[in-house]
Amino acid sequence: MEIERADVVRSLAGRDAGELFYVSSTDGVYAQIVNGRDRRLEKPKKKKLRHLEFVRRGDDRTDQKLRSGEKVTNSELRRALAERAGEEQ
């Protein structure tokens, strides 16, 4: 499945391997990823798509806001990712 904006992904490589992130944008080769904590919306991490694993495409409010380009806060991202991590266990 192709990774798109507002998808939840898991990092497969690097110091952040295993962590969940939201994709804030993508250009086909790279994705800008954020989690609201280490990688805030103001300073996303650029990561190759091959180093990311698709986790899910959600329909909650945070996903919809990211997809439509509405303003999202870092605390909303942290809260949504914490819920996702809880669902996986």
PDB file of N, CA and C in Angstrom:
ATOM      1  N   MET A   1       0.837  -1.173   0.000  1.00  0.00           N
ATOM      2  CA  MET A   1       0.000   0.000   0.000  1.00  0.00           C
ATOM      3  C   MET A   1       0.889   1.246   0.000  1.00  0.00           C
ATOM      4  N   GLU A   2       0.538   2.197  -0.797  1.00  0.00           N
ATOM      5  CA  GLU A   2       1.330   3.420  -0.918  1.00  0.00           C
ATOM      6  C   GLU A   2       1.092   4.333   0.277  1.00  0.00           C
ATOM      7  N   ILE A   3       2.152   4.893   0.796  1.00  0.00           N
ATOM      8  CA  ILE A   3       2.081   5.778   1.955  1.00  0.00           C
ATOM      9  C   ILE A   3       1.680   7.173   1.493  1.00  0.00           C
ATOM     10  N   GLU A   4       0.659   7.742   2.168  1.00  0.00           N
ATOM     11  CA  GLU A   4       0.144   9.059   1.825  1.00  0.00           C
ATOM     12  C   GLU A   4       0.119   9.954   3.060  1.00  0.00           C
ATOM     13  N   ARG A   5      -0.215  11.202   2.833  1.00  0.00           N
ATOM     14  CA  ARG A   5      -0.330  12.178   3.918  1.00  0.00           C
ATOM     15  C   ARG A   5      -1.357  11.697   4.949  1.00  0.00           C
ATOM     16  N   ALA A   6      -1.055  11.881   6.226  1.00  0.00           N
ATOM     17  CA  ALA A   6      -1.911  11.543   7.370  1.00  0.00           C
ATOM     18  C   ALA A   6      -1.931  10.057   7.701  1.00  0.00           C
ATOM     19  N   ASP A   7      -1.123   9.238   7.033  1.00  0.00           N
ATOM     20  CA  ASP A   7      -1.017   7.825   7.397  1.00  0.00           C
ATOM     21  C   ASP A   7      -0.151   7.684   8.645  1.00  0.00           C
ATOM     22  N   VAL A   8      -0.423   6.653   9.406  1.00  0.00           N
ATOM     23  CA  VAL A   8       0.423   6.315  10.549  1.00  0.00           C
ATOM     24  C   VAL A   8       1.437   5.294  10.053  1.00  0.00           C
ATOM     25  N   VAL A   9       2.719   5.557  10.321  1.00  0.00           N
ATOM     26  CA  VAL A   9       3.793   4.674   9.857  1.00  0.00           C
ATOM     27  C   VAL A   9       4.722   4.344  11.024  1.00  0.00           C
ATOM     28  N   ARG A  10       5.472   3.256  10.855  1.00  0.00           N
ATOM     29  CA  ARG A  10       6.492   2.863  11.826  1.00  0.00           C
ATOM     30  C   ARG A  10       7.843   2.999  11.146  1.00  0.00           C
ATOM     31  N   SER A  11       8.784   3.582  11.841  1.00  0.00           N
ATOM     32  CA  SER A  11      10.138   3.713  11.328  1.00  0.00           C
ATOM     33  C   SER A  11      10.838   2.361  11.414  1.00  0.00           C
ATOM     34  N   LEU A  12      11.520   1.978  10.342  1.00  0.00           N
ATOM     35  CA  LEU A  12      12.216   0.699  10.292  1.00  0.00           C
ATOM     36  C   LEU A  12      13.718   0.831  10.470  1.00  0.00           C
ATOM     37  N   ALA A  13      14.255   2.033  10.314  1.00  0.00           N
ATOM     38  CA  ALA A  13      15.703   2.218  10.362  1.00  0.00           C
ATOM     39  C   ALA A  13      16.047   3.508  11.100  1.00  0.00           C
ATOM     40  N   GLY A  14      17.233   3.520  11.682  1.00  0.00           N
ATOM     41  CA  GLY A  14      17.711   4.711  12.355  1.00  0.00           C
ATOM     42  C   GLY A  14      17.467   4.673  13.844  1.00  0.00           C
ATOM     43  N   ARG A  15      17.763   5.777  14.504  1.00  0.00           N
ATOM     44  CA  ARG A  15      17.591   5.869  15.960  1.00  0.00           C
ATOM     45  C   ARG A  15      16.144   5.737  16.387  1.00  0.00           C
ATOM     46  N   ASP A  16      15.250   6.130  15.500  1.00  0.00           N
ATOM     47  CA  ASP A  16      13.826   6.108  15.823  1.00  0.00           C
ATOM     48  C   ASP A  16      13.136   4.816  15.381  1.00  0.00           C
ATOM     49  N   ALA A  17      13.891   3.767  15.089  1.00  0.00           N
ATOM     50  CA  ALA A  17      13.317   2.497  14.627  1.00  0.00           C
ATOM     51  C   ALA A  17      12.301   1.973  15.640  1.00  0.00           C
ATOM     52  N   GLY A  18      11.144   1.591  15.127  1.00  0.00           N
ATOM     53  CA  GLY A  18      10.088   1.046  15.963  1.00  0.00           C
ATOM     54  C   GLY A  18       9.070   2.067  16.436  1.00  0.00           C
ATOM     55  N   GLU A  19       9.352   3.349  16.288  1.00  0.00           N
ATOM     56  CA  GLU A  19       8.435   4.391  16.742  1.00  0.00           C
ATOM     57  C   GLU A  19       7.371   4.685  15.690  1.00  0.00           C
ATOM     58  N   LEU A  20       6.210   5.139  16.171  1.00  0.00           N
ATOM     59  CA  LEU A  20       5.110   5.515  15.288  1.00  0.00           C
ATOM     60  C   LEU A  20       5.167   7.005  14.969  1.00  0.00           C
ATOM     61  N   PHE A  21       4.806   7.336  13.736  1.00  0.00           N
ATOM     62  CA  PHE A  21       4.793   8.718  13.268  1.00  0.00           C
ATOM     63  C   PHE A  21       3.588   8.936  12.359  1.00  0.00           C
ATOM     64  N   TYR A  22       3.207  10.190  12.196  1.00  0.00           N
ATOM     65  CA  TYR A  22       2.266  10.598  11.158  1.00  0.00           C
ATOM     66  C   TYR A  22       3.071  11.131   9.987  1.00  0.00           C
ATOM     67  N   VAL A  23       2.588  10.916   8.785  1.00  0.00           N
ATOM     68  CA  VAL A  23       3.203  11.482   7.584  1.00  0.00           C
ATOM     69  C   VAL A  23       2.554  12.847   7.351  1.00  0.00           C
ATOM     70  N   SER A  24       3.360  13.902   7.371  1.00  0.00           N
ATOM     71  CA  SER A  24       2.819  15.241   7.138  1.00  0.00           C
ATOM     72  C   SER A  24       2.826  15.597   5.661  1.00  0.00           C
ATOM     73  N   SER A  25       3.752  14.997   4.887  1.00  0.00           N
ATOM     74  CA  SER A  25       3.766  15.175   3.428  1.00  0.00           C
ATOM     75  C   SER A  25       4.676  14.118   2.817  1.00  0.00           C
ATOM     76  N   THR A  26       4.527  13.919   1.516  1.00  0.00           N
ATOM     77  CA  THR A  26       5.357  12.958   0.802  1.00  0.00           C
ATOM     78  C   THR A  26       5.555  13.435  -0.630  1.00  0.00           C
ATOM     79  N   ASP A  27       6.701  13.057  -1.211  1.00  0.00           N
ATOM     80  CA  ASP A  27       6.975  13.454  -2.595  1.00  0.00           C
ATOM     81  C   ASP A  27       7.241  12.255  -3.499  1.00  0.00           C
ATOM     82  N   GLY A  28       6.971  11.055  -3.027  1.00  0.00           N
ATOM     83  CA  GLY A  28       7.189   9.865  -3.845  1.00  0.00           C
ATOM     84  C   GLY A  28       8.443   9.097  -3.471  1.00  0.00           C
ATOM     85  N   VAL A  29       9.467   9.777  -2.980  1.00  0.00           N
ATOM     86  CA  VAL A  29      10.709   9.131  -2.543  1.00  0.00           C
ATOM     87  C   VAL A  29      10.902   9.335  -1.043  1.00  0.00           C
ATOM     88  N   TYR A  30      10.603  10.534  -0.568  1.00  0.00           N
ATOM     89  CA  TYR A  30      10.771  10.892   0.837  1.00  0.00           C
ATOM     90  C   TYR A  30       9.422  11.227   1.462  1.00  0.00           C
ATOM     91  N   ALA A  31       9.364  11.081   2.775  1.00  0.00           N
ATOM     92  CA  ALA A  31       8.196  11.503   3.540  1.00  0.00           C
ATOM     93  C   ALA A  31       8.675  12.400   4.667  1.00  0.00           C
ATOM     94  N   GLN A  32       7.871  13.382   4.996  1.00  0.00           N
ATOM     95  CA  GLN A  32       8.117  14.225   6.165  1.00  0.00           C
ATOM     96  C   GLN A  32       7.289  13.611   7.286  1.00  0.00           C
ATOM     97  N   ILE A  33       7.934  13.187   8.382  1.00  0.00           N
ATOM     98  CA  ILE A  33       7.219  12.512   9.455  1.00  0.00           C
ATOM     99  C   ILE A  33       7.282  13.326  10.739  1.00  0.00           C
ATOM    100  N   VAL A  34       6.194  13.257  11.523  1.00  0.00           N
ATOM    101  CA  VAL A  34       6.084  13.998  12.774  1.00  0.00           C
ATOM    102  C   VAL A  34       5.434  13.114  13.837  1.00  0.00           C
ATOM    103  N   ASN A  35       5.783  13.384  15.101  1.00  0.00           N
ATOM    104  CA  ASN A  35       5.120  12.672  16.185  1.00  0.00           C
ATOM    105  C   ASN A  35       4.686  13.618  17.308  1.00  0.00           C
ATOM    106  N   GLY A  36       4.963  14.904  17.179  1.00  0.00           N
ATOM    107  CA  GLY A  36       4.542  15.879  18.168  1.00  0.00           C
ATOM    108  C   GLY A  36       5.455  15.977  19.377  1.00  0.00           C
ATOM    109  N   ARG A  37       6.429  15.100  19.496  1.00  0.00           N
ATOM    110  CA  ARG A  37       7.337  15.105  20.642  1.00  0.00           C
ATOM    111  C   ARG A  37       8.746  15.425  20.159  1.00  0.00           C
ATOM    112  N   ASP A  38       9.453  14.416  19.655  1.00  0.00           N
ATOM    113  CA  ASP A  38      10.811  14.623  19.147  1.00  0.00           C
ATOM    114  C   ASP A  38      10.780  15.342  17.805  1.00  0.00           C
ATOM    115  N   ARG A  39       9.826  14.989  16.998  1.00  0.00           N
ATOM    116  CA  ARG A  39       9.660  15.595  15.673  1.00  0.00           C
ATOM    117  C   ARG A  39       8.342  16.340  15.646  1.00  0.00           C
ATOM    118  N   ARG A  40       8.453  17.639  15.894  1.00  0.00           N
ATOM    119  CA  ARG A  40       7.274  18.482  15.957  1.00  0.00           C
ATOM    120  C   ARG A  40       6.872  18.932  14.556  1.00  0.00           C
ATOM    121  N   LEU A  41       5.673  19.461  14.443  1.00  0.00           N
ATOM    122  CA  LEU A  41       5.163  19.929  13.151  1.00  0.00           C
ATOM    123  C   LEU A  41       6.044  21.022  12.556  1.00  0.00           C
ATOM    124  N   GLU A  42       6.692  21.802  13.424  1.00  0.00           N
ATOM    125  CA  GLU A  42       7.540  22.894  12.952  1.00  0.00           C
ATOM    126  C   GLU A  42       8.842  22.386  12.356  1.00  0.00           C
ATOM    127  N   LYS A  43       9.246  21.170  12.719  1.00  0.00           N
ATOM    128  CA  LYS A  43      10.523  20.632  12.250  1.00  0.00           C
ATOM    129  C   LYS A  43      10.386  19.126  11.978  1.00  0.00           C
ATOM    130  N   PRO A  44       9.714  18.750  10.878  1.00  0.00           N
ATOM    131  CA  PRO A  44       9.523  17.328  10.583  1.00  0.00           C
ATOM    132  C   PRO A  44      10.818  16.655  10.143  1.00  0.00           C
ATOM    133  N   LYS A  45      10.848  15.344  10.258  1.00  0.00           N
ATOM    134  CA  LYS A  45      12.006  14.557   9.825  1.00  0.00           C
ATOM    135  C   LYS A  45      11.762  14.077   8.407  1.00  0.00           C
ATOM    136  N   LYS A  46      12.761  14.221   7.573  1.00  0.00           N
ATOM    137  CA  LYS A  46      12.707  13.729   6.201  1.00  0.00           C
ATOM    138  C   LYS A  46      13.271  12.311   6.200  1.00  0.00           C
ATOM    139  N   LYS A  47      12.477  11.349   5.723  1.00  0.00           N
ATOM    140  CA  LYS A  47      12.895   9.956   5.762  1.00  0.00           C
ATOM    141  C   LYS A  47      12.458   9.266   4.478  1.00  0.00           C
ATOM    142  N   LYS A  48      13.310   8.394   3.959  1.00  0.00           N
ATOM    143  CA  LYS A  48      12.972   7.661   2.742  1.00  0.00           C
ATOM    144  C   LYS A  48      11.804   6.719   3.008  1.00  0.00           C
ATOM    145  N   LEU A  49      10.927   6.600   2.025  1.00  0.00           N
ATOM    146  CA  LEU A  49       9.750   5.757   2.171  1.00  0.00           C
ATOM    147  C   LEU A  49      10.101   4.294   2.407  1.00  0.00           C
ATOM    148  N   ARG A  50      11.216   3.834   1.872  1.00  0.00           N
ATOM    149  CA  ARG A  50      11.587   2.432   2.050  1.00  0.00           C
ATOM    150  C   ARG A  50      11.982   2.129   3.492  1.00  0.00           C
ATOM    151  N   HIS A  51      12.215   3.170   4.300  1.00  0.00           N
ATOM    152  CA  HIS A  51      12.551   2.991   5.707  1.00  0.00           C
ATOM    153  C   HIS A  51      11.328   3.136   6.610  1.00  0.00           C
ATOM    154  N   LEU A  52      10.143   3.173   5.991  1.00  0.00           N
ATOM    155  CA  LEU A  52       8.901   3.304   6.740  1.00  0.00           C
ATOM    156  C   LEU A  52       7.981   2.140   6.434  1.00  0.00           C
ATOM    157  N   GLU A  53       7.245   1.702   7.450  1.00  0.00           N
ATOM    158  CA  GLU A  53       6.270   0.631   7.289  1.00  0.00           C
ATOM    159  C   GLU A  53       4.881   1.222   7.530  1.00  0.00           C
ATOM    160  N   PHE A  54       3.968   1.001   6.592  1.00  0.00           N
ATOM    161  CA  PHE A  54       2.598   1.470   6.736  1.00  0.00           C
ATOM    162  C   PHE A  54       1.939   0.730   7.896  1.00  0.00           C
ATOM    163  N   VAL A  55       1.281   1.479   8.789  1.00  0.00           N
ATOM    164  CA  VAL A  55       0.571   0.869   9.911  1.00  0.00           C
ATOM    165  C   VAL A  55      -0.925   0.940   9.682  1.00  0.00           C
ATOM    166  N   ARG A  56      -1.441   2.146   9.445  1.00  0.00           N
ATOM    167  CA  ARG A  56      -2.867   2.265   9.196  1.00  0.00           C
ATOM    168  C   ARG A  56      -3.224   3.621   8.631  1.00  0.00           C
ATOM    169  N   ARG A  57      -4.352   3.654   7.991  1.00  0.00           N
ATOM    170  CA  ARG A  57      -4.945   4.897   7.495  1.00  0.00           C
ATOM    171  C   ARG A  57      -6.195   5.097   8.330  1.00  0.00           C
ATOM    172  N   GLY A  58      -6.191   6.122   9.147  1.00  0.00           N
ATOM    173  CA  GLY A  58      -7.274   6.305  10.103  1.00  0.00           C
ATOM    174  C   GLY A  58      -8.358   7.245   9.638  1.00  0.00           C
ATOM    175  N   ASP A  59      -9.441   7.245  10.408  1.00  0.00           N
ATOM    176  CA  ASP A  59     -10.572   8.126  10.141  1.00  0.00           C
ATOM    177  C   ASP A  59     -10.915   8.993  11.340  1.00  0.00           C
ATOM    178  N   ASP A  60     -10.019   9.071  12.323  1.00  0.00           N
ATOM    179  CA  ASP A  60     -10.331   9.908  13.471  1.00  0.00           C
ATOM    180  C   ASP A  60     -10.087  11.376  13.127  1.00  0.00           C
ATOM    181  N   ARG A  61     -10.396  12.243  14.056  1.00  0.00           N
ATOM    182  CA  ARG A  61     -10.345  13.689  13.814  1.00  0.00           C
ATOM    183  C   ARG A  61      -8.939  14.185  13.447  1.00  0.00           C
ATOM    184  N   THR A  62      -7.922  13.671  14.110  1.00  0.00           N
ATOM    185  CA  THR A  62      -6.547  14.101  13.823  1.00  0.00           C
ATOM    186  C   THR A  62      -6.160  13.746  12.392  1.00  0.00           C
ATOM    187  N   ASP A  63      -6.498  12.535  11.963  1.00  0.00           N
ATOM    188  CA  ASP A  63      -6.195  12.116  10.594  1.00  0.00           C
ATOM    189  C   ASP A  63      -6.899  13.005   9.577  1.00  0.00           C
ATOM    190  N   GLN A  64      -8.167  13.298   9.837  1.00  0.00           N
ATOM    191  CA  GLN A  64      -8.933  14.141   8.913  1.00  0.00           C
ATOM    192  C   GLN A  64      -8.368  15.550   8.844  1.00  0.00           C
ATOM    193  N   LYS A  65      -7.953  16.093   9.982  1.00  0.00           N
ATOM    194  CA  LYS A  65      -7.387  17.446   9.998  1.00  0.00           C
ATOM    195  C   LYS A  65      -6.072  17.493   9.227  1.00  0.00           C
ATOM    196  N   LEU A  66      -5.216  16.494   9.416  1.00  0.00           N
ATOM    197  CA  LEU A  66      -3.949  16.450   8.680  1.00  0.00           C
ATOM    198  C   LEU A  66      -4.195  16.328   7.174  1.00  0.00           C
ATOM    199  N   ARG A  67      -5.116  15.458   6.803  1.00  0.00           N
ATOM    200  CA  ARG A  67      -5.394  15.208   5.389  1.00  0.00           C
ATOM    201  C   ARG A  67      -5.952  16.450   4.696  1.00  0.00           C
ATOM    202  N   SER A  68      -6.809  17.206   5.402  1.00  0.00           N
ATOM    203  CA  SER A  68      -7.439  18.374   4.785  1.00  0.00           C
ATOM    204  C   SER A  68      -6.593  19.641   4.883  1.00  0.00           C
ATOM    205  N   GLY A  69      -5.511  19.604   5.669  1.00  0.00           N
ATOM    206  CA  GLY A  69      -4.641  20.765   5.778  1.00  0.00           C
ATOM    207  C   GLY A  69      -5.026  21.714   6.889  1.00  0.00           C
ATOM    208  N   GLU A  70      -5.964  21.304   7.756  1.00  0.00           N
ATOM    209  CA  GLU A  70      -6.335  22.140   8.895  1.00  0.00           C
ATOM    210  C   GLU A  70      -5.187  22.181   9.896  1.00  0.00           C
ATOM    211  N   LYS A  71      -5.241  23.154  10.788  1.00  0.00           N
ATOM    212  CA  LYS A  71      -4.208  23.287  11.819  1.00  0.00           C
ATOM    213  C   LYS A  71      -4.336  22.144  12.824  1.00  0.00           C
ATOM    214  N   VAL A  72      -3.216  21.488  13.071  1.00  0.00           N
ATOM    215  CA  VAL A  72      -3.136  20.397  14.036  1.00  0.00           C
ATOM    216  C   VAL A  72      -2.065  20.774  15.047  1.00  0.00           C
ATOM    217  N   THR A  73      -2.306  20.489  16.309  1.00  0.00           N
ATOM    218  CA  THR A  73      -1.318  20.801  17.328  1.00  0.00           C
ATOM    219  C   THR A  73      -0.455  19.578  17.619  1.00  0.00           C
ATOM    220  N   ASN A  74       0.717  19.825  18.175  1.00  0.00           N
ATOM    221  CA  ASN A  74       1.619  18.734  18.540  1.00  0.00           C
ATOM    222  C   ASN A  74       1.003  17.841  19.613  1.00  0.00           C
ATOM    223  N   SER A  75       0.236  18.425  20.517  1.00  0.00           N
ATOM    224  CA  SER A  75      -0.397  17.617  21.565  1.00  0.00           C
ATOM    225  C   SER A  75      -1.451  16.675  20.978  1.00  0.00           C
ATOM    226  N   GLU A  76      -2.160  17.106  19.949  1.00  0.00           N
ATOM    227  CA  GLU A  76      -3.116  16.224  19.270  1.00  0.00           C
ATOM    228  C   GLU A  76      -2.395  15.035  18.641  1.00  0.00           C
ATOM    229  N   LEU A  77      -1.254  15.300  18.025  1.00  0.00           N
ATOM    230  CA  LEU A  77      -0.470  14.215  17.416  1.00  0.00           C
ATOM    231  C   LEU A  77      -0.002  13.220  18.470  1.00  0.00           C
ATOM    232  N   ARG A  78       0.533  13.728  19.578  1.00  0.00           N
ATOM    233  CA  ARG A  78       1.013  12.840  20.653  1.00  0.00           C
ATOM    234  C   ARG A  78      -0.118  11.977  21.190  1.00  0.00           C
ATOM    235  N   ARG A  79      -1.269  12.572  21.417  1.00  0.00           N
ATOM    236  CA  ARG A  79      -2.416  11.849  21.967  1.00  0.00           C
ATOM    237  C   ARG A  79      -2.887  10.760  21.000  1.00  0.00           C
ATOM    238  N   ALA A  80      -3.001  11.099  19.728  1.00  0.00           N
ATOM    239  CA  ALA A  80      -3.472  10.132  18.725  1.00  0.00           C
ATOM    240  C   ALA A  80      -2.482   8.978  18.563  1.00  0.00           C
ATOM    241  N   LEU A  81      -1.187   9.272  18.562  1.00  0.00           N
ATOM    242  CA  LEU A  81      -0.185   8.211  18.426  1.00  0.00           C
ATOM    243  C   LEU A  81      -0.133   7.326  19.670  1.00  0.00           C
ATOM    244  N   ALA A  82      -0.366   7.904  20.845  1.00  0.00           N
ATOM    245  CA  ALA A  82      -0.403   7.100  22.070  1.00  0.00           C
ATOM    246  C   ALA A  82      -1.572   6.125  22.026  1.00  0.00           C
ATOM    247  N   GLU A  83      -2.716   6.574  21.494  1.00  0.00           N
ATOM    248  CA  GLU A  83      -3.870   5.679  21.340  1.00  0.00           C
ATOM    249  C   GLU A  83      -3.553   4.553  20.374  1.00  0.00           C
ATOM    250  N   ARG A  84      -2.871   4.872  19.274  1.00  0.00           N
ATOM    251  CA  ARG A  84      -2.497   3.852  18.283  1.00  0.00           C
ATOM    252  C   ARG A  84      -1.555   2.821  18.893  1.00  0.00           C
ATOM    253  N   ALA A  85      -0.585   3.296  19.676  1.00  0.00           N
ATOM    254  CA  ALA A  85       0.364   2.380  20.305  1.00  0.00           C
ATOM    255  C   ALA A  85      -0.360   1.466  21.282  1.00  0.00           C
ATOM    256  N   GLY A  86      -1.361   1.978  21.982  1.00  0.00           N
ATOM    257  CA  GLY A  86      -2.143   1.180  22.897  1.00  0.00           C
ATOM    258  C   GLY A  86      -2.983   0.118  22.194  1.00  0.00           C
ATOM    259  N   GLU A  87      -3.454   0.420  20.995  1.00  0.00           N
ATOM    260  CA  GLU A  87      -4.252  -0.523  20.209  1.00  0.00           C
ATOM    261  C   GLU A  87      -3.412  -1.700  19.729  1.00  0.00           C
ATOM    262  N   GLU A  88      -2.131  -1.465  19.485  1.00  0.00           N
ATOM    263  CA  GLU A  88      -1.274  -2.505  18.934  1.00  0.00           C
ATOM    264  C   GLU A  88      -0.856  -3.538  19.970  1.00  0.00           C
ATOM    265  N   GLN A  89      -0.899  -3.186  21.252  1.00  0.00           N
ATOM    266  CA  GLN A  89      -0.414  -4.109  22.285  1.00  0.00           C
ATOM    267  C   GLN A  89      -1.429  -5.131  22.657  1.00  0.00           C
TER     268      GLN A  89
END
